[in-house]
Structure formats: structure tokens, C-alpha cells
Protein backbone atom coordinates (compact mmCIF):
# COMPACT_ATOMS: atom_id res chain seq x y z
CA MET A 1 32.58 67.05 -118.96
CA THR A 2 34.04 69.65 -121.31
CA GLY A 3 32.91 73.01 -122.57
CA LEU A 4 29.77 74.49 -121.04
CA VAL A 5 27.11 72.30 -119.43
CA MET A 6 23.87 73.74 -118.06
CA GLU A 7 21.70 71.22 -116.18
CA ARG A 8 17.98 71.57 -115.50
CA ILE A 9 17.96 75.34 -115.30
CA ARG A 10 14.81 76.98 -113.97
CA HIS A 11 14.49 80.74 -113.65
CA ALA A 12 11.72 83.22 -112.97
CA TYR A 13 11.24 86.96 -112.66
CA GLY A 14 8.59 87.28 -109.99
CA ASN A 15 5.73 85.02 -111.03
CA ALA A 16 6.86 84.87 -114.66
CA LYS A 17 8.66 81.57 -115.35
CA VAL A 18 11.30 82.35 -117.96
CA LEU A 19 13.22 79.04 -118.06
CA LYS A 20 11.59 75.69 -117.36
CA ASP A 21 14.00 72.80 -116.83
CA VAL A 22 16.47 73.68 -119.61
CA SER A 23 19.59 71.59 -120.22
CA ILE A 24 22.19 72.37 -122.90
CA VAL A 25 25.79 71.54 -123.77
CA ALA A 26 28.24 73.72 -125.74
CA GLU A 27 31.27 71.68 -126.80
CA PRO A 28 34.81 73.04 -127.37
CA GLY A 29 35.55 73.92 -130.97
CA LYS A 30 31.86 73.98 -131.87
CA LEU A 31 29.25 76.69 -132.18
CA THR A 32 25.99 76.00 -130.39
CA CYS A 33 23.09 78.27 -131.28
CA LEU A 34 20.05 79.12 -129.17
CA LEU A 35 17.27 79.77 -131.68
CA GLY A 36 13.78 81.00 -130.94
CA PRO A 37 11.44 84.00 -130.91
CA SER A 38 11.88 87.00 -128.63
CA GLY A 39 10.96 86.28 -125.04
CA CYS A 40 11.63 82.53 -125.13
CA GLY A 41 14.49 82.74 -122.58
CA LYS A 42 17.57 82.70 -124.83
CA THR A 43 19.28 85.79 -123.46
CA THR A 44 18.44 84.88 -119.85
CA LEU A 45 20.21 81.55 -120.40
CA LEU A 46 23.24 83.42 -121.76
CA ARG A 47 23.30 85.79 -118.77
CA LEU A 48 23.13 82.84 -116.36
CA ALA A 49 26.09 81.21 -118.09
CA ALA A 50 28.06 84.46 -117.83
CA GLY A 51 27.22 84.90 -114.15
CA LEU A 52 25.29 88.13 -114.73
CA GLU A 53 22.21 86.43 -113.24
CA THR A 54 22.17 84.13 -110.22
CA VAL A 55 21.00 80.57 -110.85
CA GLN A 56 17.78 79.91 -108.96
CA ASP A 57 17.54 76.20 -109.73
CA GLY A 58 19.92 73.92 -111.62
CA ARG A 59 23.69 73.71 -112.12
CA ILE A 60 26.30 75.11 -114.51
CA PHE A 61 29.68 73.51 -115.26
CA LEU A 62 32.65 74.89 -117.19
CA LYS A 63 35.25 72.34 -118.29
CA GLY A 64 33.84 69.98 -115.67
CA LYS A 65 34.10 72.52 -112.86
CA LEU A 66 30.97 73.64 -111.01
CA VAL A 67 30.50 77.41 -111.36
CA ALA A 68 26.88 77.79 -110.23
CA ASP A 69 24.44 75.72 -108.20
CA GLY A 70 20.96 76.95 -107.36
CA LYS A 71 20.46 74.37 -104.63
CA SER A 72 23.42 75.57 -102.55
CA ASN A 73 23.23 79.21 -103.72
CA PHE A 74 26.80 78.92 -105.00
CA SER A 75 27.74 81.27 -107.84
CA MET A 76 31.29 81.90 -109.05
CA PRO A 77 31.84 85.59 -109.92
CA PRO A 78 31.71 86.38 -113.66
CA GLU A 79 35.35 87.52 -113.79
CA LYS A 80 36.53 84.14 -112.49
CA ARG A 81 34.58 81.96 -114.91
CA GLY A 82 36.84 82.40 -117.92
CA ILE A 83 33.97 83.48 -120.15
CA GLY A 84 34.05 85.96 -123.02
CA LEU A 85 30.80 87.86 -123.57
CA MET A 86 29.97 89.92 -126.64
CA PHE A 87 26.97 92.17 -126.07
CA GLN A 88 24.33 92.85 -128.70
CA ASP A 89 25.18 96.58 -128.77
CA TYR A 90 28.97 95.82 -128.63
CA ALA A 91 29.44 98.12 -125.56
CA LEU A 92 32.85 99.41 -126.67
CA PHE A 93 34.57 101.97 -124.46
CA PRO A 94 34.34 105.33 -126.27
CA HIS A 95 37.43 106.76 -124.55
CA LEU A 96 39.70 103.86 -125.62
CA ASN A 97 41.10 103.25 -129.08
CA VAL A 98 40.64 99.93 -130.90
CA PHE A 99 43.77 98.26 -129.53
CA ASP A 100 43.09 99.33 -125.96
CA ASN A 101 39.45 98.20 -126.20
CA ILE A 102 40.60 94.75 -127.26
CA ALA A 103 43.34 94.60 -124.61
CA PHE A 104 41.10 95.83 -121.81
CA GLY A 105 40.27 92.41 -120.34
CA VAL A 106 43.76 90.93 -120.68
CA ARG A 107 45.18 90.80 -117.16
CA ASN A 108 48.73 89.93 -118.14
CA MET A 109 49.68 91.62 -121.40
CA THR A 110 52.52 89.39 -122.52
CA ALA A 111 54.35 89.75 -125.79
CA GLU A 112 52.45 86.69 -126.99
CA ARG A 113 49.02 88.27 -126.34
CA ARG A 114 50.11 91.56 -127.90
CA THR A 115 51.20 89.67 -131.00
CA TRP A 116 47.88 87.79 -131.04
CA ILE A 117 45.95 91.06 -130.99
CA GLU A 118 48.04 92.58 -133.77
CA ASP A 119 47.68 89.45 -135.90
CA ALA A 120 43.92 89.25 -135.21
CA LEU A 121 43.47 92.88 -136.29
CA LYS A 122 45.15 92.02 -139.59
CA ARG A 123 43.21 88.77 -139.91
CA LEU A 124 39.86 90.58 -139.62
CA GLY A 125 40.92 93.49 -141.83
CA ILE A 126 40.88 96.28 -139.26
CA ALA A 127 44.62 96.73 -138.57
CA LYS A 128 44.57 100.25 -140.05
CA HIS A 129 42.08 101.25 -137.36
CA ARG A 130 44.33 100.12 -134.52
CA ASN A 131 44.53 103.63 -133.05
CA SER A 132 41.03 104.78 -134.03
CA PHE A 133 38.21 105.38 -131.57
CA PRO A 134 34.89 103.49 -131.77
CA HIS A 135 32.80 106.45 -132.96
CA VAL A 136 34.67 106.63 -136.29
CA LEU A 137 34.18 102.91 -137.06
CA SER A 138 31.38 101.34 -139.09
CA GLY A 139 29.00 98.88 -137.49
CA GLY A 140 30.88 95.94 -139.00
CA GLN A 141 34.22 97.24 -137.71
CA GLN A 142 32.79 97.76 -134.23
CA GLN A 143 31.44 94.21 -134.30
CA ARG A 144 34.92 92.84 -135.05
CA VAL A 145 36.52 94.90 -132.29
CA ALA A 146 33.91 93.64 -129.80
CA LEU A 147 34.56 90.06 -130.92
CA LEU A 148 38.31 90.39 -130.45
CA ARG A 149 37.86 92.04 -127.04
CA ALA A 150 35.81 89.02 -125.92
CA LEU A 151 38.42 86.58 -127.26
CA ALA A 152 41.60 88.37 -126.16
CA PRO A 153 41.59 87.05 -122.54
CA GLN A 154 41.49 83.47 -123.93
CA PRO A 155 38.10 82.48 -122.50
CA GLU A 156 36.98 78.88 -122.03
CA ILE A 157 33.74 79.74 -123.79
CA LEU A 158 32.51 82.67 -125.85
CA LEU A 159 28.93 83.92 -125.44
CA LEU A 160 27.43 85.90 -128.33
CA ASP A 161 24.12 87.76 -127.94
CA GLU A 162 22.61 88.54 -131.38
CA PRO A 163 26.09 89.46 -132.71
CA PHE A 164 24.95 90.47 -136.21
CA SER A 165 21.59 92.10 -135.55
CA GLY A 166 22.98 95.64 -135.77
CA LEU A 167 24.52 95.19 -139.22
CA ASP A 168 22.97 96.14 -142.54
CA VAL A 169 21.89 93.31 -144.82
CA THR A 170 24.53 93.92 -147.48
CA ARG A 171 27.44 93.51 -145.05
CA ARG A 172 25.97 90.94 -142.68
CA ALA A 173 26.62 87.85 -144.80
CA GLN A 174 30.33 88.60 -145.34
CA ILE A 175 30.97 89.58 -141.72
CA ARG A 176 29.13 86.48 -140.55
CA GLU A 177 31.32 84.29 -142.74
CA ASP A 178 34.54 86.00 -141.61
CA THR A 179 33.51 85.68 -137.96
CA LEU A 180 32.70 81.98 -138.29
CA THR A 181 36.03 81.23 -139.99
CA PHE A 182 37.93 83.09 -137.27
CA LEU A 183 36.04 81.34 -134.46
CA LYS A 184 36.79 77.94 -135.98
CA GLU A 185 40.48 78.81 -136.07
CA CYS A 186 40.38 79.84 -132.39
CA GLY A 187 38.80 76.51 -131.39
CA VAL A 188 36.80 78.04 -128.52
CA ALA A 189 33.38 76.74 -127.45
CA VAL A 190 30.74 79.23 -128.60
CA LEU A 191 27.16 79.71 -127.40
CA MET A 192 25.27 82.15 -129.62
CA VAL A 193 21.79 83.62 -129.30
CA THR A 194 19.78 84.48 -132.41
CA HIS A 195 16.20 84.66 -133.63
CA ASP A 196 17.35 84.42 -137.27
CA PRO A 197 16.99 80.81 -138.54
CA GLU A 198 19.15 81.44 -141.60
CA GLU A 199 21.92 82.71 -139.34
CA ALA A 200 21.59 79.64 -137.12
CA MET A 201 21.72 77.30 -140.13
CA PHE A 202 24.85 78.99 -141.47
CA MET A 203 26.76 79.40 -138.22
CA ALA A 204 25.88 76.50 -135.95
CA ASP A 205 27.21 72.99 -135.49
CA HIS A 206 24.36 72.37 -133.06
CA ILE A 207 21.02 74.20 -132.79
CA VAL A 208 18.85 74.34 -129.67
CA VAL A 209 15.33 75.49 -130.52
CA MET A 210 13.51 77.19 -127.64
CA LYS A 211 9.87 78.13 -127.10
CA SER A 212 8.30 79.64 -123.98
CA GLY A 213 11.30 78.86 -121.78
CA GLN A 214 11.72 75.25 -122.89
CA VAL A 215 13.89 73.33 -125.35
CA VAL A 216 11.57 71.87 -127.99
CA GLN A 217 14.24 70.33 -130.24
CA ALA A 218 18.02 70.09 -130.43
CA GLY A 219 20.24 68.73 -133.19
CA THR A 220 22.37 69.58 -136.20
CA PRO A 221 21.08 72.14 -138.72
CA VAL A 222 20.23 69.31 -141.13
CA GLN A 223 18.26 67.44 -138.46
CA ILE A 224 16.35 70.55 -137.39
CA TYR A 225 15.50 71.62 -140.95
CA PHE A 226 14.58 68.27 -142.47
CA HIS A 227 13.16 66.55 -139.39
CA PRO A 228 11.27 69.14 -137.32
CA VAL A 229 9.36 67.64 -134.39
CA SER A 230 6.53 70.16 -134.52
CA ALA A 231 4.85 72.74 -136.72
CA PHE A 232 6.46 75.45 -134.57
CA VAL A 233 9.98 74.22 -135.43
CA ALA A 234 9.15 73.76 -139.10
CA GLU A 235 7.70 77.27 -139.40
CA LEU A 236 10.79 78.89 -137.86
CA PHE A 237 12.46 78.45 -141.24
CA GLY A 238 9.88 80.31 -143.29
CA ALA A 239 6.25 80.45 -144.29
CA MET A 240 4.55 77.12 -144.96
CA ASN A 241 1.57 75.95 -146.97
CA HIS A 242 -0.98 74.42 -144.58
CA PHE A 243 -3.39 71.61 -145.41
CA ASP A 244 -5.70 70.65 -142.53
CA GLY A 245 -8.06 67.73 -142.29
CA VAL A 246 -8.98 64.46 -140.63
CA VAL A 247 -6.87 61.34 -141.04
CA GLU A 248 -8.63 58.58 -143.01
CA LYS A 249 -7.07 55.21 -143.75
CA GLY A 250 -3.74 56.47 -142.42
CA GLN A 251 -3.51 59.46 -144.74
CA LEU A 252 -4.58 63.08 -145.20
CA GLU A 253 -5.87 64.53 -148.45
CA THR A 254 -3.87 67.40 -150.02
CA PRO A 255 -3.83 69.13 -153.42
CA PHE A 256 -0.95 66.80 -154.32
CA GLY A 257 -2.85 63.68 -153.38
CA PRO A 258 -3.12 61.70 -150.15
CA PHE A 259 -0.19 62.11 -147.78
CA PRO A 260 0.54 59.09 -145.52
CA ILE A 261 0.42 59.79 -141.77
CA PRO A 262 0.83 56.38 -140.10
CA SER A 263 1.70 57.92 -136.73
CA ILE A 264 -1.70 59.62 -136.31
CA PRO A 265 -4.84 57.47 -135.74
CA ASP A 266 -7.79 57.60 -138.12
CA GLY A 267 -10.38 60.17 -137.14
CA GLU A 268 -7.84 62.53 -135.57
CA LYS A 269 -7.25 66.06 -136.85
CA ALA A 270 -3.90 66.61 -138.55
CA GLN A 271 -2.07 69.10 -140.72
CA VAL A 272 0.37 68.72 -143.57
CA LEU A 273 2.90 71.52 -144.01
CA VAL A 274 4.85 72.11 -147.23
CA ARG A 275 7.67 74.62 -147.51
CA MET A 276 7.34 77.32 -150.16
CA GLU A 277 10.57 76.12 -151.78
CA GLY A 278 9.36 72.52 -151.54
CA ILE A 279 6.75 73.05 -154.27
CA HIS A 280 7.94 72.75 -157.87
CA VAL A 281 6.30 74.43 -160.84
CA SER A 282 6.30 73.39 -164.49
CA LEU A 283 5.19 75.63 -167.36
CA GLY A 284 6.22 73.17 -170.03
CA SER A 285 5.34 69.74 -171.35
CA GLN A 286 3.80 67.08 -169.18
CA HIS A 287 6.59 64.78 -170.36
CA ASP A 288 9.05 66.82 -168.25
CA LEU A 289 7.25 66.01 -164.99
CA PRO A 290 8.39 63.46 -162.40
CA THR A 291 6.71 60.06 -162.51
CA ASP A 292 7.15 59.14 -158.84
CA CYS A 293 4.93 61.81 -157.22
CA CYS A 294 1.45 63.27 -157.53
CA THR A 295 0.93 66.49 -159.46
CA ALA A 296 -1.82 69.09 -159.48
CA ILE A 297 -3.01 71.54 -162.11
CA GLY A 298 -3.32 75.18 -161.06
CA HIS A 299 -3.51 78.72 -162.36
CA VAL A 300 -1.14 81.58 -161.58
CA VAL A 301 -2.70 84.39 -159.54
CA ASP A 302 0.31 86.67 -158.93
CA THR A 303 4.09 86.62 -159.31
CA TYR A 304 6.73 88.64 -157.45
CA LEU A 305 10.39 88.87 -158.44
CA LEU A 306 12.60 88.93 -155.33
CA GLY A 307 15.98 88.96 -157.07
CA ARG A 308 17.51 85.57 -156.30
CA SER A 309 14.08 83.92 -156.39
CA SER A 310 10.50 84.39 -157.55
CA HIS A 311 7.40 84.16 -155.34
CA LEU A 312 4.27 82.77 -157.00
CA HIS A 313 0.66 82.56 -155.84
CA ILE A 314 -1.01 79.60 -157.54
CA ARG A 315 -4.66 78.58 -157.19
CA VAL A 316 -5.26 74.81 -157.06
CA PRO A 317 -8.14 72.52 -156.04
CA LYS A 318 -8.16 71.57 -152.34
CA SER A 319 -8.07 67.94 -153.34
CA ILE A 320 -6.48 66.09 -156.20
CA HIS A 321 -10.02 64.96 -156.99
CA GLY A 322 -11.12 68.59 -157.54
CA CYS A 323 -12.22 69.46 -161.06
CA ASP A 324 -11.38 73.12 -161.39
CA ALA A 325 -8.73 75.25 -159.69
CA ASN A 326 -11.07 78.22 -160.06
CA ASP A 327 -14.05 76.75 -158.21
CA SER A 328 -15.04 77.53 -154.61
CA GLU A 329 -13.14 74.47 -153.34
CA SER A 330 -9.73 75.90 -154.16
CA ILE A 331 -6.79 77.30 -152.21
CA ILE A 332 -3.80 79.52 -152.91
CA LEU A 333 -0.33 77.95 -152.82
CA HIS A 334 2.64 80.14 -151.94
CA VAL A 335 5.64 78.99 -153.95
CA ARG A 336 9.26 80.15 -154.04
CA VAL A 337 11.38 79.13 -157.03
CA PRO A 338 15.04 80.01 -157.72
CA GLY A 339 15.83 82.60 -160.35
CA VAL A 340 13.32 84.41 -162.52
CA MET A 341 9.89 82.92 -163.24
CA LYS A 342 7.14 85.36 -164.20
CA PRO A 343 4.25 83.57 -165.90
CA GLU A 344 1.26 85.72 -166.77
CA PRO A 345 -1.70 85.78 -164.34
CA GLY A 346 -4.09 83.02 -165.29
CA ALA A 347 -1.37 80.86 -166.86
CA LYS A 348 -1.94 77.13 -166.41
CA VAL A 349 0.83 75.35 -164.49
CA THR A 350 1.54 71.95 -163.01
CA VAL A 351 2.80 71.72 -159.44
CA TRP A 352 4.15 68.95 -157.24
CA ALA A 353 5.80 68.71 -153.82
CA ASP A 354 9.24 67.49 -152.77
CA PRO A 355 8.59 64.77 -150.13
CA LYS A 356 11.62 66.00 -148.11
CA GLN A 357 9.91 69.36 -147.68
CA VAL A 358 6.56 67.94 -146.55
CA PHE A 359 5.76 67.43 -142.85
CA ALA A 360 2.75 66.11 -140.98
CA PHE A 361 1.71 66.82 -137.40
CA ALA A 362 -1.25 66.17 -135.16
CA VAL A 363 -3.48 69.15 -134.35
CA ASP A 364 -3.95 69.72 -130.60
């Protein structure tokens, strides 16, 4: 085994079960992301890996070596695990300058490690702040110092707890990209916690989706986004249009026509979910429309310009057999299109759905 392996971890605080039989692997040279809402157990899992919490049940391995075992109550001290941990609030030492903060965890400050720190400061664009103290740095600069401090001792694995949550939106994207590039160059195994799906999609090689202390799906960003196993996973990546009903003849009726659901028996309740960006809108000629999918006629209710995209509310019949998008049997579609699209309220439009952005699930 290589990297970090956590096997069948169970953990509770009093009677509250926080982790329920969780197993994950973080491979060297790859970034594994724990994604899920607040309270699902992500940070607890990170603290167990770091040795800040004692494993109650399950085992943890680092590079094939056992570092924690709940059954035997064995737990290797955090300082001996070879783990770098970057806290959400960065936790820089206010009385140390930038260089000394980074060098703090390096036990043997060789010429090689000193050179690495100096080069890393230049690489991340903060060399001029080498002798500055944390309070004069911006949030992005503090984030980079905290990252280098965690990496300076050459850890076997790096643990990141919401590393970009404290940054403003305008700087977050660039700092995120710089951080990812630097981590790839370092080749260290990374386990990162986030509740931001866009961040997980951008950063991760492997995403572990958690809910209520359990892993509900794990895979590559493409697998998680295009093949969600549940409505919960699908909705992590943004608001969805919901169409509920009962399966008849292996399909469910939607405004875009019947959607095949062969995996759900006839007579069972089901729901079809369509991403906002999965619905296409045409204001022009019917000749411009695709011939291989069902379309629906609707009327624009509202439009909102969001800069890079436009958000439209469009009223359509509940069923493709409906006669009028303005009758009582109509629903509002929420649609996101790239660029600027601002049709007047009441404008007649044609809509259709991208099959890759349509998902069907049974209703419990």
C-alpha cells in the first residue's frame, strides 16, 4: 500500500455517530478531495489522519505502515506520522517572520531545505515578503506561507482543510490554480476537505462524496459529475430542474417528452433531474433546432444577467402533450446559458435538454 489508506473508520462524539464505516485512499502524486456539506464528517476524517483525534474503530496506514488501529488502541503520535497539515485559518505564528514560519517544522535545516524554501518563496511570488510578519500579509499571501510551512518538512501526505475558504472571490481562482500547479510539482499525496463542488472539480484527481458520515460515491470528477448515483450527488453541483411522477411503460413524462427509466419498475415513483446548464434555448428559426431530441415551447418569465452567463425562468407545459405553457398545468424551468441572453418577458422560445445532463432516480 502507498500513500494514505483509511480502512473502515467509525467515530462518534458521545451518542452522535460522525463517521460510519468510511474507507478512503489518497495516492502519492494525486489530490483526493473530500466533498460534502458541513457536518458530514470530512474534517473529523482529516483530524484522524493527522493523529489529532484517536481512532475508535478502524485502521490507518501511511506508505503501508500502520499508524493507528482502533482495535488495539494503537495511535502513532502526530509528529511521527510524516504528515503536513494546513489549517483552515492558516494558524501562522505572529511572532515569526515568513521564512521562520515556513522553517518552523523542519527539524534539520540543511542547505538543501533552505534552498528549497527560498526557491518556493520565489515560485509562489512571495519572496519579497521573506522577512515580513503575518499581520502585514494579505489573505492570499498568508495562505501560501501556510502551504509552504506544511510542505517544508517533506511530509508523506499533505492534509488541507478548506484551504481557500478565507480568500475573496476575485483572488481565489488564481491562488487555487497556482497552488495546484505547485502541489503537482511536489508530487506529494494530498487529501483536501471542501464543501465547494467547483473547487473539487478543478483541484481533484479523485473525489470522495460524503453525506451523514458515509461515503456515497467516489470517482474522478468526470464520473461524479456525469454519472451521479443519487439526487444528492447530482444536486451538489448546482440547482436542478425536478420532474416527479410515476414510471409507466419504462419511462417518465417530462416537458421534453418521455424519459426512459428501465432500471425502475412500472408503478414506482421516480424523478428526473436536469441541470440548469443542460437545458438549451432557441429564439430563432425552428430549422436551427436539433432533430435527435424532443423540444418544448415555452414563454420567458424573467431573465437575469450574471456576467459570464444568463439565468432564465421559462414557463412550459408539464408534459409535451400540454397545449399551452400559460395554463394551470405548467411549470417554471430554471435555465443557465453562457454569455448574454435577455429576451423580453413573454417571448416565445423553444427548449430542449442535453441527455448527458439528465438523470433519473427512484423516489424513496
